[in-house]
Structures are given as structure tokens and as C-alpha cells.
Amino acid sequence: MIQVTVENSKTGGQYICKSARRTVKNITYNHITYHLICRHKDHPFFKQFYHGPKKIEALEKPIWNTPIYKLLELTITETPLDGRTRYAKQLPVLNADILAELTY
């Protein structure tokens, strides 16, 4: 388990969460679902892919394997974490919504 600190240098926003993966820096654009794009259709980055219900523009081809934190211009710091501690149990789990909300 790792502790993930996500920072937005533009707004100064920071979020601390956990992940069961060994690294979250390999989460790429192709891991993002259509449902996430629909939920964040007003997001400055994701709105370019939303063009009405059940239709996504084919702009994603050039960015298919690009890490999502680079596309959203976020900084991610990963620290090893013992998942059995009280602190670790209280941390929220990292998901793509957190990355999107930090960049609004």
C-alpha cells in the first residue's frame, strides 16, 4: 500500500489518499471510463471528449497511453504506507474523480 499526495501547482490544492497499487503514475488515459467523462463534462480537460449522450469524440488516439496526471498537470508523490495503521485506514482511496476535482 502507498500513500499518494496529489498536488495542483496552479491552484495550490493538495489531496492525500491511499492506493493498494505499487504505483499510481501508470494510470493512463485509457483507464478513464465514459462514465467519468459524463460526470465531469464541464471539466476544462474532459469537456473536449464529451459530445452528447453515448458519443465521445475520437480525439483520444494521440493521448491514449499518456499518464492522466501529466494530462491534468498534477504532481504525484508516492510514499510507502503500512495499511494496518489507524492513519492508513482513515485515508480515502485514490480514484479518477479526485484527479478531476483537483483541476476544476
Protein backbone atom coordinates (compact mmCIF):
# COMPACT_ATOMS: atom_id res chain seq x y z
CA MET A 1 0.00 0.00 0.00
CA ILE A 2 1.19 3.51 -0.75
CA GLN A 3 0.27 6.98 0.40
CA VAL A 4 -0.40 9.26 -2.56
CA THR A 5 -0.11 13.03 -2.33
CA VAL A 6 -1.67 14.76 -5.32
CA GLU A 7 -0.85 18.46 -5.78
CA ASN A 8 -2.10 21.05 -8.24
CA SER A 9 0.59 23.70 -8.62
CA LYS A 10 -1.80 26.16 -10.29
CA THR A 11 -4.39 26.29 -7.52
CA GLY A 12 -2.25 25.08 -4.63
CA GLY A 13 -4.75 22.30 -3.92
CA GLN A 14 -3.46 19.15 -2.26
CA TYR A 15 -5.10 15.82 -1.50
CA ILE A 16 -3.70 12.90 0.48
CA CYS A 17 -5.10 9.43 -0.14
CA LYS A 18 -4.03 5.79 -0.38
CA SER A 19 -3.78 3.17 -3.07
CA ALA A 20 -3.28 -0.59 -2.99
CA ARG A 21 -1.19 -0.43 -6.16
CA ARG A 22 2.57 -0.15 -6.10
CA THR A 23 2.37 2.99 -8.24
CA VAL A 24 -0.39 5.25 -9.50
CA LYS A 25 1.78 7.07 -12.00
CA ASN A 26 0.98 4.42 -14.61
CA ILE A 27 -2.77 5.23 -14.68
CA THR A 28 -3.15 6.37 -18.27
CA TYR A 29 -5.95 7.93 -20.29
CA ASN A 30 -7.18 4.53 -21.48
CA HIS A 31 -8.10 3.71 -17.84
CA ILE A 32 -10.64 6.57 -17.83
CA THR A 33 -14.21 5.44 -18.39
CA TYR A 34 -17.00 7.03 -20.39
CA HIS A 35 -18.95 7.36 -17.14
CA LEU A 36 -16.20 9.58 -15.67
CA ILE A 37 -16.24 11.80 -18.76
CA CYS A 38 -20.02 12.16 -18.46
CA ARG A 39 -19.78 13.08 -14.77
CA HIS A 40 -17.13 15.72 -15.48
CA LYS A 41 -18.42 17.02 -18.81
CA ASP A 42 -17.88 20.62 -17.64
CA HIS A 43 -14.24 19.95 -16.69
CA PRO A 44 -11.74 22.04 -18.69
CA PHE A 45 -9.92 18.92 -19.91
CA PHE A 46 -12.65 16.28 -20.18
CA LYS A 47 -15.20 18.50 -21.96
CA GLN A 48 -13.29 18.11 -25.23
CA PHE A 49 -14.28 14.41 -25.30
CA TYR A 50 -17.97 14.79 -24.44
CA HIS A 51 -20.32 15.49 -27.34
CA GLY A 52 -23.71 14.41 -26.08
CA PRO A 53 -25.00 11.15 -24.65
CA LYS A 54 -23.32 7.98 -25.89
CA LYS A 55 -20.86 9.80 -28.08
CA ILE A 56 -17.20 10.52 -27.40
CA GLU A 57 -15.08 12.35 -29.90
CA ALA A 58 -12.18 10.33 -31.30
CA LEU A 59 -9.59 12.84 -30.06
CA GLU A 60 -8.22 10.37 -27.56
CA LYS A 61 -5.97 8.49 -30.02
CA PRO A 62 -2.89 10.76 -29.61
CA ILE A 63 -3.11 10.71 -25.81
CA TRP A 64 -4.14 7.07 -25.33
CA ASN A 65 -1.11 5.92 -23.31
CA THR A 66 -0.29 9.24 -21.63
CA PRO A 67 -0.45 9.22 -17.81
CA ILE A 68 -3.52 11.09 -16.60
CA TYR A 69 -1.61 13.15 -14.04
CA LYS A 70 0.53 14.60 -16.84
CA LEU A 71 -2.53 15.47 -18.91
CA LEU A 72 -4.09 17.28 -15.94
CA GLU A 73 -0.75 18.89 -14.96
CA LEU A 74 -0.69 17.40 -11.45
CA THR A 75 2.24 16.36 -9.27
CA ILE A 76 2.04 12.95 -7.59
CA THR A 77 4.26 11.91 -4.69
CA GLU A 78 4.17 8.28 -3.57
CA THR A 79 5.30 7.12 -0.13
CA PRO A 80 5.25 3.56 1.26
CA LEU A 81 2.48 3.09 3.82
CA ASP A 82 1.65 0.37 6.32
CA GLY A 83 -2.01 -0.35 5.64
CA ARG A 84 -2.63 -1.73 9.13
CA THR A 85 -2.25 1.60 10.95
CA ARG A 86 -5.17 3.76 12.05
CA TYR A 87 -3.90 6.63 9.87
CA ALA A 88 -3.90 4.43 6.77
CA LYS A 89 -7.40 3.13 7.46
CA GLN A 90 -8.76 6.68 7.67
CA LEU A 91 -7.32 7.81 4.33
CA PRO A 92 -9.67 7.77 1.33
CA VAL A 93 -8.83 5.57 -1.65
CA LEU A 94 -7.46 7.29 -4.76
CA ASN A 95 -9.79 7.34 -7.77
CA ALA A 96 -10.02 9.29 -11.00
CA ASP A 97 -12.68 11.62 -9.61
CA ILE A 98 -10.14 13.01 -7.15
CA LEU A 99 -7.78 13.88 -10.01
CA ALA A 100 -10.58 15.59 -11.91
CA GLU A 101 -11.86 17.55 -8.93
CA LEU A 102 -8.40 18.90 -8.10
CA THR A 103 -8.18 20.52 -11.51
CA TYR A 104 -11.52 22.35 -11.64
